[in-house]
Amino acid sequence: MDYLVPWLVWGGAMLLVLAGGFWLTRWIKPLWLRDLLRFLAAGTLLVPSVAGSFEGAYAPAWIVFVFEAFLQTEGDPVGAMMMLTASWALAIVAVIAVAAVRMVRGRRSAS
């Protein structure tokens, strides 16, 4: 509960960043590429991870990864990288699902 306000601020800020990203990527024509960029951005920005050696504290996974991998001499970025990898895999699965739904809808409307 101590981190509720900072996480709400972070979530709101990242939703604004994602809204700007959605607006900037509106011109990309291959829909699968546009969806892939959008879903990967959301998966990168919104996924939390355990904050290094601070048990019970969470931070955005990409920040934990950068801090643990490049700024600490004894850092362990594996946990944050696992969270990012899982979110990217889920984003790719979501893009495939959205593309499949679009294909099915396109075939139904053409019939």
C-alpha atoms as a PDB file:
ATOM      1  CA  MET A   1       0.000   0.000   0.000  1.00  0.00           C
ATOM      2  CA  ASP A   2       2.996   2.300   0.502  1.00  0.00           C
ATOM      3  CA  TYR A   3       3.663   2.314  -3.221  1.00  0.00           C
ATOM      4  CA  LEU A   4       0.092   2.864  -4.422  1.00  0.00           C
ATOM      5  CA  VAL A   5       0.425   6.568  -5.237  1.00  0.00           C
ATOM      6  CA  PRO A   6       3.786   6.257  -7.059  1.00  0.00           C
ATOM      7  CA  TRP A   7       2.465   3.321  -9.098  1.00  0.00           C
ATOM      8  CA  LEU A   8      -0.693   5.267  -9.975  1.00  0.00           C
ATOM      9  CA  VAL A   9       1.430   8.216 -11.104  1.00  0.00           C
ATOM     10  CA  TRP A  10       3.720   5.888 -13.079  1.00  0.00           C
ATOM     11  CA  GLY A  11       0.741   4.083 -14.648  1.00  0.00           C
ATOM     12  CA  GLY A  12      -0.935   7.342 -15.624  1.00  0.00           C
ATOM     13  CA  ALA A  13       2.265   8.720 -17.107  1.00  0.00           C
ATOM     14  CA  MET A  14       2.916   5.545 -19.080  1.00  0.00           C
ATOM     15  CA  LEU A  15      -0.652   5.500 -20.387  1.00  0.00           C
ATOM     16  CA  LEU A  16      -0.099   9.037 -21.669  1.00  0.00           C
ATOM     17  CA  VAL A  17       3.188   7.934 -23.269  1.00  0.00           C
ATOM     18  CA  LEU A  18       1.432   4.961 -24.864  1.00  0.00           C
ATOM     19  CA  ALA A  19      -1.386   7.200 -26.127  1.00  0.00           C
ATOM     20  CA  GLY A  20       1.250   9.399 -27.764  1.00  0.00           C
ATOM     21  CA  GLY A  21       2.890   6.311 -29.224  1.00  0.00           C
ATOM     22  CA  PHE A  22      -0.440   5.120 -30.594  1.00  0.00           C
ATOM     23  CA  TRP A  23      -0.935   8.507 -32.207  1.00  0.00           C
ATOM     24  CA  LEU A  24       2.575   8.530 -33.683  1.00  0.00           C
ATOM     25  CA  THR A  25       2.238   5.013 -35.124  1.00  0.00           C
ATOM     26  CA  ARG A  26      -1.163   5.562 -36.740  1.00  0.00           C
ATOM     27  CA  TRP A  27       0.452   6.013 -40.181  1.00  0.00           C
ATOM     28  CA  ILE A  28       2.211   2.608 -40.239  1.00  0.00           C
ATOM     29  CA  LYS A  29       0.420   0.624 -42.917  1.00  0.00           C
ATOM     30  CA  PRO A  30       1.126  -3.035 -42.208  1.00  0.00           C
ATOM     31  CA  LEU A  31      -1.330  -3.466 -39.362  1.00  0.00           C
ATOM     32  CA  TRP A  32       0.664  -6.333 -37.860  1.00  0.00           C
ATOM     33  CA  LEU A  33       3.782  -4.135 -37.617  1.00  0.00           C
ATOM     34  CA  ARG A  34       1.852  -1.282 -36.042  1.00  0.00           C
ATOM     35  CA  ASP A  35       0.259  -3.675 -33.530  1.00  0.00           C
ATOM     36  CA  LEU A  36       3.623  -5.289 -32.797  1.00  0.00           C
ATOM     37  CA  LEU A  37       5.247  -1.938 -32.013  1.00  0.00           C
ATOM     38  CA  ARG A  38       2.341  -0.891 -29.828  1.00  0.00           C
ATOM     39  CA  PHE A  39       2.091  -4.157 -27.912  1.00  0.00           C
ATOM     40  CA  LEU A  40       5.858  -4.394 -27.351  1.00  0.00           C
ATOM     41  CA  ALA A  41       5.905  -0.816 -26.061  1.00  0.00           C
ATOM     42  CA  ALA A  42       3.067  -1.564 -23.644  1.00  0.00           C
ATOM     43  CA  GLY A  43       4.778  -4.767 -22.512  1.00  0.00           C
ATOM     44  CA  THR A  44       8.023  -2.927 -21.912  1.00  0.00           C
ATOM     45  CA  LEU A  45       6.638   0.094 -20.097  1.00  0.00           C
ATOM     46  CA  LEU A  46       3.949  -1.424 -17.876  1.00  0.00           C
ATOM     47  CA  VAL A  47       5.500  -4.649 -16.518  1.00  0.00           C
ATOM     48  CA  PRO A  48       6.760  -4.567 -12.923  1.00  0.00           C
ATOM     49  CA  SER A  49       9.626  -6.582 -11.462  1.00  0.00           C
ATOM     50  CA  VAL A  50      11.169  -7.135  -8.050  1.00  0.00           C
ATOM     51  CA  ALA A  51      13.482  -4.199  -7.395  1.00  0.00           C
ATOM     52  CA  GLY A  52      16.826  -5.967  -7.215  1.00  0.00           C
ATOM     53  CA  SER A  53      17.801  -6.915  -3.679  1.00  0.00           C
ATOM     54  CA  PHE A  54      14.876  -5.042  -2.088  1.00  0.00           C
ATOM     55  CA  GLU A  55      12.458  -7.843  -1.248  1.00  0.00           C
ATOM     56  CA  GLY A  56       8.824  -6.823  -1.504  1.00  0.00           C
ATOM     57  CA  ALA A  57       9.579  -3.668  -3.495  1.00  0.00           C
ATOM     58  CA  TYR A  58       8.650  -3.487  -7.154  1.00  0.00           C
ATOM     59  CA  ALA A  59       9.728  -1.187  -9.953  1.00  0.00           C
ATOM     60  CA  PRO A  60       9.233  -1.114 -13.723  1.00  0.00           C
ATOM     61  CA  ALA A  61      11.083  -4.093 -15.175  1.00  0.00           C
ATOM     62  CA  TRP A  62      12.988  -2.137 -17.815  1.00  0.00           C
ATOM     63  CA  ILE A  63      14.347   0.265 -15.201  1.00  0.00           C
ATOM     64  CA  VAL A  64      15.357  -2.609 -12.924  1.00  0.00           C
ATOM     65  CA  PHE A  65      17.060  -4.316 -15.866  1.00  0.00           C
ATOM     66  CA  VAL A  66      19.058  -1.223 -16.850  1.00  0.00           C
ATOM     67  CA  PHE A  67      20.026  -0.514 -13.246  1.00  0.00           C
ATOM     68  CA  GLU A  68      21.009  -4.094 -12.416  1.00  0.00           C
ATOM     69  CA  ALA A  69      22.807  -4.781 -15.701  1.00  0.00           C
ATOM     70  CA  PHE A  70      24.715  -1.564 -16.283  1.00  0.00           C
ATOM     71  CA  LEU A  71      24.854   0.515 -13.111  1.00  0.00           C
ATOM     72  CA  GLN A  72      25.567  -2.013 -10.368  1.00  0.00           C
ATOM     73  CA  THR A  73      28.792  -3.949 -10.147  1.00  0.00           C
ATOM     74  CA  GLU A  74      27.117  -6.937  -8.442  1.00  0.00           C
ATOM     75  CA  GLY A  75      23.727  -6.564 -10.141  1.00  0.00           C
ATOM     76  CA  ASP A  76      21.540  -9.475 -11.197  1.00  0.00           C
ATOM     77  CA  PRO A  77      19.288  -8.485 -14.116  1.00  0.00           C
ATOM     78  CA  VAL A  78      17.944 -12.001 -14.717  1.00  0.00           C
ATOM     79  CA  GLY A  79      14.613 -11.506 -12.911  1.00  0.00           C
ATOM     80  CA  ALA A  80      13.799  -8.294 -14.730  1.00  0.00           C
ATOM     81  CA  MET A  81      14.864  -9.775 -18.060  1.00  0.00           C
ATOM     82  CA  MET A  82      12.610 -12.784 -17.466  1.00  0.00           C
ATOM     83  CA  MET A  83       9.664 -10.468 -16.825  1.00  0.00           C
ATOM     84  CA  LEU A  84      10.435  -8.464 -19.974  1.00  0.00           C
ATOM     85  CA  THR A  85      10.843 -11.625 -22.049  1.00  0.00           C
ATOM     86  CA  ALA A  86       7.517 -12.972 -20.803  1.00  0.00           C
ATOM     87  CA  SER A  87       5.764  -9.698 -21.583  1.00  0.00           C
ATOM     88  CA  TRP A  88       7.310  -9.561 -25.077  1.00  0.00           C
ATOM     89  CA  ALA A  89       6.271 -13.155 -25.747  1.00  0.00           C
ATOM     90  CA  LEU A  90       2.737 -12.317 -24.617  1.00  0.00           C
ATOM     91  CA  ALA A  91       2.776  -9.253 -26.903  1.00  0.00           C
ATOM     92  CA  ILE A  92       3.764 -11.404 -29.883  1.00  0.00           C
ATOM     93  CA  VAL A  93       1.005 -13.908 -29.081  1.00  0.00           C
ATOM     94  CA  ALA A  94      -1.481 -11.026 -28.836  1.00  0.00           C
ATOM     95  CA  VAL A  95      -0.377  -9.665 -32.238  1.00  0.00           C
ATOM     96  CA  ILE A  96      -0.834 -13.119 -33.786  1.00  0.00           C
ATOM     97  CA  ALA A  97      -4.307 -13.386 -32.215  1.00  0.00           C
ATOM     98  CA  VAL A  98      -5.320  -9.931 -33.470  1.00  0.00           C
ATOM     99  CA  ALA A  99      -4.043 -10.767 -36.971  1.00  0.00           C
ATOM    100  CA  ALA A 100      -5.990 -14.037 -36.951  1.00  0.00           C
ATOM    101  CA  VAL A 101      -9.188 -12.263 -35.914  1.00  0.00           C
ATOM    102  CA  ARG A 102      -8.684  -9.721 -38.710  1.00  0.00           C
ATOM    103  CA  MET A 103      -8.191 -12.512 -41.239  1.00  0.00           C
ATOM    104  CA  VAL A 104     -11.362 -14.319 -40.130  1.00  0.00           C
ATOM    105  CA  ARG A 105     -13.382 -11.090 -40.253  1.00  0.00           C
ATOM    106  CA  GLY A 106     -11.987 -10.283 -43.690  1.00  0.00           C
ATOM    107  CA  ARG A 107     -12.986 -13.673 -45.050  1.00  0.00           C
ATOM    108  CA  ARG A 108     -16.493 -13.403 -43.589  1.00  0.00           C
ATOM    109  CA  SER A 109     -17.071  -9.943 -45.068  1.00  0.00           C
ATOM    110  CA  ALA A 110     -15.756 -11.077 -48.484  1.00  0.00           C
ATOM    111  CA  SER A 111     -18.205 -14.006 -48.589  1.00  0.00           C
END
